[in-house]
Amino acid sequence: LFSTGAADTCQVTVTQPRFQEADYSTHTVFLTCAFSASGCSSSSPNILWFRFLANEHEDLCTPGCTDHQKYKVHLLSENNISLQINDLTVDDNAVYICGIAFSNSGSPHSKQTGDGTVLTKTEKKNSNGKLIFMIIVSSLLFLYSTTVFTFFVVYKKISSGRKIFQAIAQELQKQRYAEHCQQPDDLEDDTVYQNR
């Protein structure tokens, strides 16, 4: 209790980071809070944590934590504290507010809260699914292009081969025709009479 002649000048200031994002693979996160106290007693203050969800407010640690497995308060240094949140899920996305209270002070400034930290845990995106889809589409396009290219190359070789074969066949046919049209000089038909 304070004497009637002494003025209670305890004044607390609390600061918190505005945002904190946690990757979808994160299971534990630490939200930090810093405070300064002037004109307050040397006794330790009560450390309070609340959170605001979309439609409700929840007391987490006031000062004892409601769920000791999920939430733990750590004193990092004389004026720095953190809230550890375990088993983090997207359901933990909320605004987390740190409060400092010197309960033995009657000053209205002896109990203050920070502006809150917006915690966002990102959901696992289907980036792997999109990546796999893109790989499959790229592979199919590559196979299609390779098939079309191979078809044209083979077709060109076949048509080129056909032209060569046709040229060879025509040459052989010309040679055969030439052989049949020419008769050797030593062969004479007995029935043919020649004037000499």
N, C-alpha and C. Protein backbone atom coordinates (compact mmCIF):
# COMPACT_ATOMS: atom_id res chain seq x y z
N LEU A 1 0.84 -1.19 0.00
CA LEU A 1 0.00 0.00 0.00
C LEU A 1 0.88 1.24 0.00
N PHE A 2 0.40 2.26 -0.61
CA PHE A 2 1.18 3.49 -0.73
C PHE A 2 0.70 4.50 0.29
N SER A 3 1.65 5.31 0.71
CA SER A 3 1.27 6.37 1.63
C SER A 3 0.52 7.45 0.85
N THR A 4 -0.32 8.19 1.53
CA THR A 4 -1.15 9.17 0.84
C THR A 4 -0.35 10.33 0.26
N GLY A 5 0.84 10.58 0.77
CA GLY A 5 1.61 11.71 0.28
C GLY A 5 2.45 11.36 -0.95
N ALA A 6 2.70 10.07 -1.22
CA ALA A 6 3.57 9.68 -2.34
C ALA A 6 2.73 9.48 -3.60
N ALA A 7 3.23 10.00 -4.70
CA ALA A 7 2.52 9.86 -5.97
C ALA A 7 3.04 8.62 -6.68
N ASP A 8 2.15 7.85 -7.28
CA ASP A 8 2.53 6.64 -8.03
C ASP A 8 2.78 7.05 -9.47
N THR A 9 4.05 6.98 -9.90
CA THR A 9 4.42 7.46 -11.25
C THR A 9 4.81 6.31 -12.17
N CYS A 10 4.44 5.10 -11.84
CA CYS A 10 4.83 3.93 -12.64
C CYS A 10 4.26 4.08 -14.05
N GLN A 11 5.17 4.00 -15.01
CA GLN A 11 4.73 4.12 -16.41
C GLN A 11 5.41 3.02 -17.22
N VAL A 12 4.61 2.27 -17.98
CA VAL A 12 5.10 1.13 -18.77
C VAL A 12 4.84 1.41 -20.25
N THR A 13 5.82 1.04 -21.07
CA THR A 13 5.66 1.11 -22.53
C THR A 13 5.97 -0.27 -23.09
N VAL A 14 5.12 -0.77 -23.97
CA VAL A 14 5.29 -2.11 -24.54
C VAL A 14 5.39 -1.98 -26.06
N THR A 15 6.36 -2.67 -26.64
CA THR A 15 6.50 -2.68 -28.11
C THR A 15 6.57 -4.11 -28.61
N GLN A 16 5.96 -4.33 -29.75
CA GLN A 16 5.94 -5.65 -30.39
C GLN A 16 6.18 -5.47 -31.88
N PRO A 17 6.78 -6.48 -32.53
CA PRO A 17 6.85 -6.42 -34.00
C PRO A 17 5.43 -6.47 -34.56
N ARG A 18 5.21 -5.77 -35.64
CA ARG A 18 3.85 -5.69 -36.21
C ARG A 18 3.40 -7.00 -36.84
N PHE A 19 4.34 -7.66 -37.56
CA PHE A 19 3.99 -8.89 -38.28
C PHE A 19 5.03 -9.97 -38.02
N GLN A 20 4.58 -11.18 -38.08
CA GLN A 20 5.49 -12.32 -38.07
C GLN A 20 4.86 -13.42 -38.92
N GLU A 21 5.65 -13.89 -39.89
CA GLU A 21 5.15 -14.93 -40.78
C GLU A 21 5.92 -16.21 -40.51
N ALA A 22 5.20 -17.31 -40.48
CA ALA A 22 5.81 -18.62 -40.27
C ALA A 22 5.53 -19.47 -41.50
N ASP A 23 6.57 -20.15 -41.95
CA ASP A 23 6.44 -21.03 -43.10
C ASP A 23 5.55 -22.21 -42.73
N TYR A 24 4.94 -22.83 -43.75
CA TYR A 24 4.02 -23.95 -43.47
C TYR A 24 4.71 -25.11 -42.76
N SER A 25 6.04 -25.23 -42.90
CA SER A 25 6.76 -26.34 -42.27
C SER A 25 7.16 -26.04 -40.83
N THR A 26 6.94 -24.80 -40.36
CA THR A 26 7.31 -24.40 -38.99
C THR A 26 6.34 -25.02 -37.99
N HIS A 27 6.90 -25.59 -36.92
CA HIS A 27 6.05 -26.20 -35.88
C HIS A 27 6.05 -25.39 -34.59
N THR A 28 7.10 -24.60 -34.39
CA THR A 28 7.21 -23.78 -33.19
C THR A 28 7.62 -22.38 -33.59
N VAL A 29 6.98 -21.38 -32.96
CA VAL A 29 7.30 -19.98 -33.26
C VAL A 29 7.45 -19.23 -31.95
N PHE A 30 8.29 -18.19 -31.97
CA PHE A 30 8.49 -17.33 -30.80
C PHE A 30 8.08 -15.91 -31.16
N LEU A 31 7.10 -15.38 -30.44
CA LEU A 31 6.68 -13.99 -30.63
C LEU A 31 7.35 -13.16 -29.55
N THR A 32 8.02 -12.08 -29.96
CA THR A 32 8.78 -11.28 -29.00
C THR A 32 8.01 -10.05 -28.56
N CYS A 33 8.41 -9.56 -27.40
CA CYS A 33 7.78 -8.39 -26.81
C CYS A 33 8.84 -7.70 -25.95
N ALA A 34 8.96 -6.38 -26.08
CA ALA A 34 9.91 -5.61 -25.27
C ALA A 34 9.13 -4.56 -24.48
N PHE A 35 9.59 -4.27 -23.29
CA PHE A 35 8.91 -3.25 -22.50
C PHE A 35 9.93 -2.43 -21.73
N SER A 36 9.52 -1.23 -21.38
CA SER A 36 10.31 -0.38 -20.50
C SER A 36 9.40 0.08 -19.37
N ALA A 37 9.98 0.23 -18.20
CA ALA A 37 9.19 0.65 -17.04
C ALA A 37 9.97 1.73 -16.29
N SER A 38 9.31 2.82 -16.00
CA SER A 38 9.96 3.89 -15.22
C SER A 38 9.07 4.26 -14.04
N GLY A 39 9.71 4.46 -12.91
CA GLY A 39 8.97 4.85 -11.70
C GLY A 39 8.18 3.70 -11.10
N CYS A 40 8.48 2.46 -11.52
CA CYS A 40 7.74 1.29 -11.03
C CYS A 40 8.55 0.59 -9.94
N SER A 41 7.91 -0.24 -9.21
CA SER A 41 8.59 -0.99 -8.16
C SER A 41 9.59 -1.96 -8.78
N SER A 42 10.51 -2.43 -7.98
CA SER A 42 11.54 -3.34 -8.49
C SER A 42 11.04 -4.78 -8.60
N SER A 43 9.83 -5.01 -8.18
CA SER A 43 9.28 -6.38 -8.30
C SER A 43 9.00 -6.69 -9.77
N SER A 44 9.03 -7.97 -10.10
CA SER A 44 8.78 -8.39 -11.48
C SER A 44 7.32 -8.14 -11.85
N PRO A 45 7.09 -7.70 -13.08
CA PRO A 45 5.71 -7.47 -13.50
C PRO A 45 5.04 -8.78 -13.90
N ASN A 46 3.74 -8.76 -14.01
CA ASN A 46 2.99 -9.87 -14.59
C ASN A 46 3.10 -9.75 -16.11
N ILE A 47 3.38 -10.87 -16.74
CA ILE A 47 3.48 -10.91 -18.20
C ILE A 47 2.21 -11.59 -18.71
N LEU A 48 1.52 -10.92 -19.58
CA LEU A 48 0.23 -11.39 -20.07
C LEU A 48 0.27 -11.54 -21.59
N TRP A 49 -0.40 -12.55 -22.09
CA TRP A 49 -0.53 -12.73 -23.54
C TRP A 49 -1.99 -13.04 -23.86
N PHE A 50 -2.50 -12.36 -24.87
CA PHE A 50 -3.85 -12.55 -25.37
C PHE A 50 -3.78 -12.75 -26.88
N ARG A 51 -4.82 -13.25 -27.43
CA ARG A 51 -4.89 -13.27 -28.89
C ARG A 51 -6.30 -12.95 -29.33
N PHE A 52 -6.38 -12.32 -30.49
CA PHE A 52 -7.66 -11.97 -31.09
C PHE A 52 -7.78 -12.73 -32.40
N LEU A 53 -8.79 -13.56 -32.45
CA LEU A 53 -9.12 -14.28 -33.68
C LEU A 53 -10.14 -13.45 -34.44
N ALA A 54 -10.67 -14.00 -35.49
CA ALA A 54 -11.62 -13.24 -36.32
C ALA A 54 -12.83 -12.76 -35.51
N ASN A 55 -13.38 -13.63 -34.66
CA ASN A 55 -14.61 -13.26 -33.96
C ASN A 55 -14.54 -13.38 -32.45
N GLU A 56 -13.35 -13.62 -31.91
CA GLU A 56 -13.27 -13.78 -30.46
C GLU A 56 -11.90 -13.40 -29.92
N HIS A 57 -11.86 -13.17 -28.64
CA HIS A 57 -10.62 -12.86 -27.94
C HIS A 57 -10.37 -14.02 -26.97
N GLU A 58 -9.10 -14.33 -26.79
CA GLU A 58 -8.74 -15.49 -25.97
C GLU A 58 -7.58 -15.12 -25.05
N ASP A 59 -7.73 -15.45 -23.76
CA ASP A 59 -6.64 -15.27 -22.81
C ASP A 59 -5.72 -16.48 -22.92
N LEU A 60 -4.45 -16.24 -23.21
CA LEU A 60 -3.50 -17.34 -23.35
C LEU A 60 -2.70 -17.54 -22.06
N CYS A 61 -2.09 -16.46 -21.59
CA CYS A 61 -1.27 -16.51 -20.38
C CYS A 61 -1.58 -15.25 -19.56
N THR A 62 -2.26 -15.42 -18.41
CA THR A 62 -2.71 -14.26 -17.64
C THR A 62 -2.50 -14.42 -16.14
N PRO A 63 -1.37 -14.52 -15.56
CA PRO A 63 -0.06 -14.76 -16.15
C PRO A 63 0.21 -16.24 -16.43
N GLY A 64 -0.47 -17.16 -15.76
CA GLY A 64 -0.27 -18.58 -16.07
C GLY A 64 -0.91 -18.93 -17.40
N CYS A 65 -0.26 -19.79 -18.17
CA CYS A 65 -0.78 -20.15 -19.49
C CYS A 65 -1.90 -21.16 -19.36
N THR A 66 -2.92 -21.01 -20.19
CA THR A 66 -4.08 -21.90 -20.15
C THR A 66 -3.73 -23.30 -20.67
N ASP A 67 -2.80 -23.39 -21.61
CA ASP A 67 -2.39 -24.68 -22.18
C ASP A 67 -0.86 -24.72 -22.14
N HIS A 68 -0.32 -25.43 -21.14
CA HIS A 68 1.14 -25.45 -20.94
C HIS A 68 1.87 -26.21 -22.04
N GLN A 69 1.20 -27.07 -22.76
CA GLN A 69 1.83 -27.77 -23.87
C GLN A 69 1.94 -26.87 -25.10
N LYS A 70 0.94 -26.04 -25.28
CA LYS A 70 0.87 -25.18 -26.48
C LYS A 70 1.65 -23.87 -26.30
N TYR A 71 1.53 -23.24 -25.12
CA TYR A 71 2.11 -21.91 -24.90
C TYR A 71 3.09 -21.92 -23.73
N LYS A 72 4.21 -21.18 -23.92
CA LYS A 72 5.19 -21.00 -22.86
C LYS A 72 5.72 -19.58 -22.96
N VAL A 73 5.87 -18.92 -21.81
CA VAL A 73 6.42 -17.57 -21.75
C VAL A 73 7.87 -17.68 -21.32
N HIS A 74 8.76 -16.95 -22.04
CA HIS A 74 10.19 -16.95 -21.72
C HIS A 74 10.64 -15.52 -21.43
N LEU A 75 11.43 -15.36 -20.38
CA LEU A 75 12.06 -14.07 -20.09
C LEU A 75 13.43 -14.10 -20.76
N LEU A 76 13.57 -13.37 -21.86
CA LEU A 76 14.81 -13.38 -22.64
C LEU A 76 15.89 -12.53 -21.98
N SER A 77 15.49 -11.39 -21.47
CA SER A 77 16.39 -10.51 -20.73
C SER A 77 15.50 -9.72 -19.76
N GLU A 78 16.07 -8.75 -19.11
CA GLU A 78 15.30 -8.01 -18.09
C GLU A 78 14.02 -7.40 -18.65
N ASN A 79 14.08 -6.90 -19.88
CA ASN A 79 12.91 -6.22 -20.46
C ASN A 79 12.44 -6.84 -21.77
N ASN A 80 12.86 -8.06 -22.06
CA ASN A 80 12.44 -8.73 -23.30
C ASN A 80 11.87 -10.10 -22.97
N ILE A 81 10.70 -10.35 -23.52
CA ILE A 81 10.03 -11.63 -23.28
C ILE A 81 9.57 -12.21 -24.61
N SER A 82 9.21 -13.48 -24.58
CA SER A 82 8.66 -14.09 -25.79
C SER A 82 7.59 -15.09 -25.40
N LEU A 83 6.70 -15.29 -26.36
CA LEU A 83 5.68 -16.32 -26.22
C LEU A 83 6.03 -17.43 -27.20
N GLN A 84 6.23 -18.62 -26.69
CA GLN A 84 6.50 -19.78 -27.54
C GLN A 84 5.18 -20.46 -27.83
N ILE A 85 4.93 -20.69 -29.13
CA ILE A 85 3.71 -21.39 -29.54
C ILE A 85 4.15 -22.69 -30.20
N ASN A 86 3.72 -23.81 -29.64
CA ASN A 86 4.08 -25.13 -30.17
C ASN A 86 2.96 -25.68 -31.03
N ASP A 87 3.29 -26.70 -31.82
CA ASP A 87 2.31 -27.37 -32.69
C ASP A 87 1.53 -26.34 -33.51
N LEU A 88 2.27 -25.46 -34.16
CA LEU A 88 1.68 -24.35 -34.90
C LEU A 88 0.89 -24.85 -36.11
N THR A 89 -0.32 -24.33 -36.24
CA THR A 89 -1.17 -24.64 -37.40
C THR A 89 -1.73 -23.32 -37.95
N VAL A 90 -2.41 -23.39 -39.08
CA VAL A 90 -3.02 -22.18 -39.64
C VAL A 90 -4.15 -21.67 -38.74
N ASP A 91 -4.66 -22.53 -37.85
CA ASP A 91 -5.68 -22.09 -36.89
C ASP A 91 -5.11 -21.13 -35.85
N ASP A 92 -3.78 -21.06 -35.76
CA ASP A 92 -3.13 -20.14 -34.82
C ASP A 92 -2.93 -18.76 -35.42
N ASN A 93 -3.33 -18.55 -36.67
CA ASN A 93 -3.23 -17.22 -37.27
C ASN A 93 -4.15 -16.27 -36.51
N ALA A 94 -3.55 -15.23 -35.92
CA ALA A 94 -4.31 -14.30 -35.10
C ALA A 94 -3.43 -13.09 -34.79
N VAL A 95 -4.00 -12.14 -34.05
CA VAL A 95 -3.23 -11.02 -33.52
C VAL A 95 -2.90 -11.35 -32.07
N TYR A 96 -1.60 -11.40 -31.76
CA TYR A 96 -1.14 -11.75 -30.41
C TYR A 96 -0.69 -10.47 -29.71
N ILE A 97 -1.26 -10.24 -28.52
CA ILE A 97 -0.99 -9.01 -27.79
C ILE A 97 -0.29 -9.34 -26.48
N CYS A 98 0.81 -8.64 -26.28
CA CYS A 98 1.61 -8.78 -25.07
C CYS A 98 1.18 -7.69 -24.08
N GLY A 99 1.02 -8.06 -22.83
CA GLY A 99 0.66 -7.09 -21.80
C GLY A 99 1.63 -7.17 -20.62
N ILE A 100 1.94 -6.03 -20.05
CA ILE A 100 2.80 -5.94 -18.87
C ILE A 100 2.00 -5.21 -17.79
N ALA A 101 1.98 -5.80 -16.60
CA ALA A 101 1.20 -5.21 -15.51
C ALA A 101 2.00 -5.26 -14.21
N PHE A 102 2.23 -4.07 -13.63
CA PHE A 102 2.79 -4.00 -12.27
C PHE A 102 1.58 -3.93 -11.34
N SER A 103 1.21 -5.08 -10.82
CA SER A 103 -0.06 -5.18 -10.08
C SER A 103 -0.03 -4.43 -8.75
N ASN A 104 1.17 -4.12 -8.24
CA ASN A 104 1.22 -3.42 -6.95
C ASN A 104 1.20 -1.90 -7.14
N SER A 105 0.96 -1.46 -8.38
CA SER A 105 0.90 -0.02 -8.66
C SER A 105 -0.54 0.38 -8.95
N GLY A 106 -0.88 1.58 -8.49
CA GLY A 106 -2.21 2.10 -8.74
C GLY A 106 -2.24 3.03 -9.95
N SER A 107 -1.09 3.26 -10.58
CA SER A 107 -1.04 4.17 -11.71
C SER A 107 -1.76 3.56 -12.91
N PRO A 108 -2.54 4.35 -13.63
CA PRO A 108 -3.22 3.83 -14.82
C PRO A 108 -2.24 3.43 -15.93
N HIS A 109 -1.00 3.92 -15.87
CA HIS A 109 0.00 3.60 -16.88
C HIS A 109 0.86 2.41 -16.49
N SER A 110 0.56 1.77 -15.38
CA SER A 110 1.36 0.64 -14.91
C SER A 110 0.94 -0.68 -15.56
N LYS A 111 -0.13 -0.63 -16.30
CA LYS A 111 -0.63 -1.82 -17.01
C LYS A 111 -0.84 -1.42 -18.47
N GLN A 112 0.02 -1.94 -19.33
CA GLN A 112 -0.04 -1.55 -20.74
C GLN A 112 0.08 -2.78 -21.63
N THR A 113 -0.44 -2.64 -22.84
CA THR A 113 -0.30 -3.70 -23.85
C THR A 113 0.39 -3.13 -25.08
N GLY A 114 0.97 -4.04 -25.85
CA GLY A 114 1.55 -3.65 -27.13
C GLY A 114 0.46 -3.53 -28.18
N ASP A 115 0.86 -3.14 -29.38
CA ASP A 115 -0.12 -2.99 -30.46
C ASP A 115 -0.49 -4.33 -31.08
N GLY A 116 0.24 -5.37 -30.73
CA GLY A 116 -0.08 -6.71 -31.24
C GLY A 116 0.81 -7.11 -32.41
N THR A 117 1.04 -8.40 -32.50
CA THR A 117 1.79 -8.99 -33.60
C THR A 117 0.84 -9.87 -34.39
N VAL A 118 0.75 -9.60 -35.68
CA VAL A 118 -0.09 -10.42 -36.55
C VAL A 118 0.73 -11.65 -36.96
N LEU A 119 0.32 -12.80 -36.48
CA LEU A 119 1.01 -14.05 -36.82
C LEU A 119 0.27 -14.72 -37.98
N THR A 120 1.04 -15.06 -39.01
CA THR A 120 0.47 -15.74 -40.16
C THR A 120 1.31 -16.95 -40.48
N LYS A 121 0.69 -18.11 -40.41
CA LYS A 121 1.34 -19.33 -40.86
C LYS A 121 0.80 -19.63 -42.25
N THR A 122 1.70 -19.73 -43.20
CA THR A 122 1.25 -19.97 -44.57
C THR A 122 0.84 -21.43 -44.73
N GLU A 123 -0.18 -21.63 -45.51
CA GLU A 123 -0.61 -23.00 -45.81
C GLU A 123 0.33 -23.60 -46.82
N LYS A 124 0.39 -24.92 -46.79
CA LYS A 124 1.22 -25.59 -47.79
C LYS A 124 0.57 -25.38 -49.14
N LYS A 125 1.32 -24.75 -50.00
CA LYS A 125 0.78 -24.45 -51.32
C LYS A 125 0.96 -25.65 -52.22
N ASN A 126 0.18 -25.67 -53.25
CA ASN A 126 0.30 -26.76 -54.21
C ASN A 126 1.39 -26.46 -55.22
N SER A 127 2.44 -25.78 -54.73
CA SER A 127 3.52 -25.45 -55.66
C SER A 127 4.17 -26.71 -56.17
N ASN A 128 4.22 -27.74 -55.31
CA ASN A 128 4.77 -29.01 -55.79
C ASN A 128 3.87 -29.59 -56.87
N GLY A 129 2.56 -29.51 -56.66
CA GLY A 129 1.63 -29.99 -57.66
C GLY A 129 1.75 -29.20 -58.95
N LYS A 130 1.89 -27.88 -58.82
CA LYS A 130 2.05 -27.05 -60.01
C LYS A 130 3.37 -27.36 -60.70
N LEU A 131 4.41 -27.56 -59.88
CA LEU A 131 5.73 -27.88 -60.46
C LEU A 131 5.66 -29.21 -61.20
N ILE A 132 5.04 -30.21 -60.59
CA ILE A 132 4.91 -31.52 -61.25
C ILE A 132 4.09 -31.39 -62.52
N PHE A 133 3.00 -30.62 -62.46
CA PHE A 133 2.17 -30.40 -63.64
C PHE A 133 2.99 -29.76 -64.76
N MET A 134 3.78 -28.73 -64.40
CA MET A 134 4.60 -28.06 -65.41
C MET A 134 5.65 -29.00 -65.99
N ILE A 135 6.22 -29.85 -65.15
CA ILE A 135 7.22 -30.82 -65.63
C ILE A 135 6.56 -31.80 -66.60
N ILE A 136 5.38 -32.28 -66.25
CA ILE A 136 4.67 -33.24 -67.11
C ILE A 136 4.32 -32.58 -68.44
N VAL A 137 3.78 -31.36 -68.39
CA VAL A 137 3.41 -30.66 -69.63
C VAL A 137 4.65 -30.41 -70.48
N SER A 138 5.72 -29.96 -69.84
CA SER A 138 6.97 -29.71 -70.58
C SER A 138 7.49 -31.00 -71.21
N SER A 139 7.43 -32.09 -70.45
CA SER A 139 7.90 -33.38 -70.97
C SER A 139 7.05 -33.82 -72.17
N LEU A 140 5.73 -33.66 -72.04
CA LEU A 140 4.86 -34.04 -73.15
C LEU A 140 5.12 -33.19 -74.39
N LEU A 141 5.31 -31.89 -74.17
CA LEU A 141 5.62 -31.01 -75.31
C LEU A 141 6.96 -31.40 -75.93
N PHE A 142 7.93 -31.73 -75.08
CA PHE A 142 9.24 -32.16 -75.59
C PHE A 142 9.10 -33.44 -76.40
N LEU A 143 8.33 -34.42 -75.85
CA LEU A 143 8.13 -35.68 -76.57
C LEU A 143 7.41 -35.45 -77.90
N TYR A 144 6.40 -34.59 -77.88
CA TYR A 144 5.67 -34.28 -79.10
C TYR A 144 6.60 -33.66 -80.14
N SER A 145 7.37 -32.65 -79.69
CA SER A 145 8.30 -31.98 -80.61
C SER A 145 9.32 -32.97 -81.16
N THR A 146 9.85 -33.83 -80.28
CA THR A 146 10.84 -34.82 -80.70
C THR A 146 10.23 -35.78 -81.71
N THR A 147 9.00 -36.21 -81.46
CA THR A 147 8.32 -37.14 -82.36
C THR A 147 8.10 -36.50 -83.74
N VAL A 148 7.61 -35.27 -83.73
CA VAL A 148 7.37 -34.57 -84.99
C VAL A 148 8.69 -34.37 -85.74
N PHE A 149 9.71 -33.95 -85.04
CA PHE A 149 11.01 -33.75 -85.66
C PHE A 149 11.56 -35.06 -86.24
N THR A 150 11.45 -36.13 -85.43
CA THR A 150 11.92 -37.45 -85.89
C THR A 150 11.13 -37.90 -87.11
N PHE A 151 9.82 -37.67 -87.09
CA PHE A 151 8.98 -38.05 -88.23
C PHE A 151 9.46 -37.35 -89.49
N PHE A 152 9.70 -36.03 -89.40
CA PHE A 152 10.16 -35.29 -90.57
C PHE A 152 11.53 -35.75 -91.04
N VAL A 153 12.43 -36.01 -90.10
CA VAL A 153 13.77 -36.48 -90.47
C VAL A 153 13.68 -37.84 -91.16
N VAL A 154 12.91 -38.77 -90.56
CA VAL A 154 12.76 -40.10 -91.14
C VAL A 154 12.05 -40.00 -92.49
N TYR A 155 11.01 -39.17 -92.56
CA TYR A 155 10.29 -39.01 -93.82
C TYR A 155 11.22 -38.47 -94.90
N LYS A 156 12.05 -37.51 -94.51
CA LYS A 156 12.98 -36.94 -95.47
C LYS A 156 13.98 -37.99 -95.93
N LYS A 157 14.47 -38.80 -94.96
CA LYS A 157 15.43 -39.85 -95.32
C LYS A 157 14.76 -40.90 -96.20
N ILE A 158 13.51 -41.23 -95.85
CA ILE A 158 12.79 -42.22 -96.65
C ILE A 158 12.56 -41.69 -98.06
N SER A 159 12.09 -40.43 -98.14
CA SER A 159 11.84 -39.88 -99.48
C SER A 159 13.16 -39.71 -100.23
N SER A 160 14.22 -39.35 -99.50
CA SER A 160 15.54 -39.25 -100.14
C SER A 160 16.00 -40.64 -100.57
N GLY A 161 15.78 -41.63 -99.71
CA GLY A 161 16.13 -43.01 -100.04
C GLY A 161 15.32 -43.51 -101.23
N ARG A 162 14.04 -43.13 -101.27
CA ARG A 162 13.19 -43.52 -102.39
C ARG A 162 13.72 -42.92 -103.70
N LYS A 163 14.11 -41.67 -103.63
CA LYS A 163 14.63 -41.01 -104.83
C LYS A 163 15.90 -41.71 -105.30
N ILE A 164 16.77 -42.05 -104.35
CA ILE A 164 18.01 -42.76 -104.70
C ILE A 164 17.67 -44.13 -105.28
N PHE A 165 16.74 -44.83 -104.60
CA PHE A 165 16.32 -46.16 -105.09
C PHE A 165 15.71 -46.05 -106.49
N GLN A 166 14.86 -45.03 -106.68
CA GLN A 166 14.25 -44.83 -107.99
C GLN A 166 15.31 -44.53 -109.04
N ALA A 167 16.27 -43.72 -108.66
CA ALA A 167 17.35 -43.39 -109.61
C ALA A 167 18.14 -44.65 -109.95
N ILE A 168 18.44 -45.48 -108.94
CA ILE A 168 19.17 -46.72 -109.19
C ILE A 168 18.33 -47.66 -110.05
N ALA A 169 17.05 -47.78 -109.71
CA ALA A 169 16.15 -48.65 -110.48
C ALA A 169 16.04 -48.17 -111.92
N GLN A 170 15.93 -46.86 -112.12
CA GLN A 170 15.87 -46.33 -113.48
C GLN A 170 17.17 -46.61 -114.23
N GLU A 171 18.28 -46.48 -113.54
CA GLU A 171 19.57 -46.74 -114.18
C GLU A 171 19.69 -48.20 -114.57
N LEU A 172 19.27 -49.09 -113.67
CA LEU A 172 19.31 -50.53 -113.97
C LEU A 172 18.37 -50.85 -115.13
N GLN A 173 17.21 -50.21 -115.12
CA GLN A 173 16.25 -50.45 -116.19
C GLN A 173 16.81 -49.96 -117.53
N LYS A 174 17.49 -48.83 -117.51
CA LYS A 174 18.11 -48.32 -118.73
C LYS A 174 19.19 -49.28 -119.21
N GLN A 175 19.96 -49.78 -118.24
CA GLN A 175 21.03 -50.72 -118.64
C GLN A 175 20.42 -51.99 -119.23
N ARG A 176 19.40 -52.53 -118.61
CA ARG A 176 18.75 -53.73 -119.14
C ARG A 176 18.16 -53.47 -120.52
N TYR A 177 17.52 -52.32 -120.66
CA TYR A 177 16.94 -51.97 -121.94
C TYR A 177 18.04 -51.84 -122.99
N ALA A 178 19.12 -51.24 -122.60
CA ALA A 178 20.24 -51.08 -123.53
C ALA A 178 20.81 -52.44 -123.89
N GLU A 179 20.89 -53.36 -122.92
CA GLU A 179 21.42 -54.70 -123.20
C GLU A 179 20.49 -55.45 -124.13
N HIS A 180 19.22 -55.33 -123.94
CA HIS A 180 18.26 -56.03 -124.80
C HIS A 180 18.21 -55.43 -126.19
N CYS A 181 18.40 -54.16 -126.31
CA CYS A 181 18.33 -53.50 -127.61
C CYS A 181 19.58 -53.75 -128.43
N GLN A 182 20.68 -53.92 -127.80
CA GLN A 182 21.91 -54.17 -128.54
C GLN A 182 22.08 -55.67 -128.70
N GLN A 183 22.43 -56.05 -129.91
CA GLN A 183 22.73 -57.46 -130.12
C GLN A 183 24.20 -57.55 -130.39
N PRO A 184 24.84 -58.51 -129.83
CA PRO A 184 26.27 -58.65 -130.07
C PRO A 184 26.53 -58.98 -131.53
N ASP A 185 27.71 -58.58 -132.06
CA ASP A 185 28.08 -58.79 -133.48
C ASP A 185 28.33 -60.25 -133.81
N ASP A 186 28.77 -61.03 -132.86
CA ASP A 186 29.12 -62.43 -133.16
C ASP A 186 27.90 -63.32 -133.27
N LEU A 187 26.76 -62.86 -132.80
CA LEU A 187 25.56 -63.67 -132.93
C LEU A 187 24.85 -63.28 -134.21
N GLU A 188 24.72 -64.21 -135.09
CA GLU A 188 23.99 -63.94 -136.32
C GLU A 188 22.87 -64.91 -136.44
N ASP A 189 21.79 -64.43 -136.88
CA ASP A 189 20.63 -65.28 -137.05
C ASP A 189 20.79 -66.04 -138.36
N ASP A 190 20.62 -67.35 -138.36
CA ASP A 190 20.79 -68.18 -139.55
C ASP A 190 19.75 -67.88 -140.61
N THR A 191 18.65 -67.38 -140.11
CA THR A 191 17.56 -67.15 -141.08
C THR A 191 17.69 -65.80 -141.76
N VAL A 192 18.59 -65.00 -141.28
CA VAL A 192 18.75 -63.69 -141.88
C VAL A 192 19.84 -63.77 -142.93
N TYR A 193 19.51 -63.33 -144.10
CA TYR A 193 20.49 -63.34 -145.20
C TYR A 193 21.09 -61.98 -145.31
N GLN A 194 22.35 -61.97 -145.38
CA GLN A 194 23.04 -60.70 -145.46
C GLN A 194 23.75 -60.62 -146.79
N ASN A 195 23.79 -59.47 -147.31
CA ASN A 195 24.54 -59.21 -148.54
C ASN A 195 25.93 -58.77 -148.15
N ARG A 196 26.88 -59.49 -148.72
CA ARG A 196 28.24 -59.08 -148.40
C ARG A 196 28.96 -58.75 -149.61
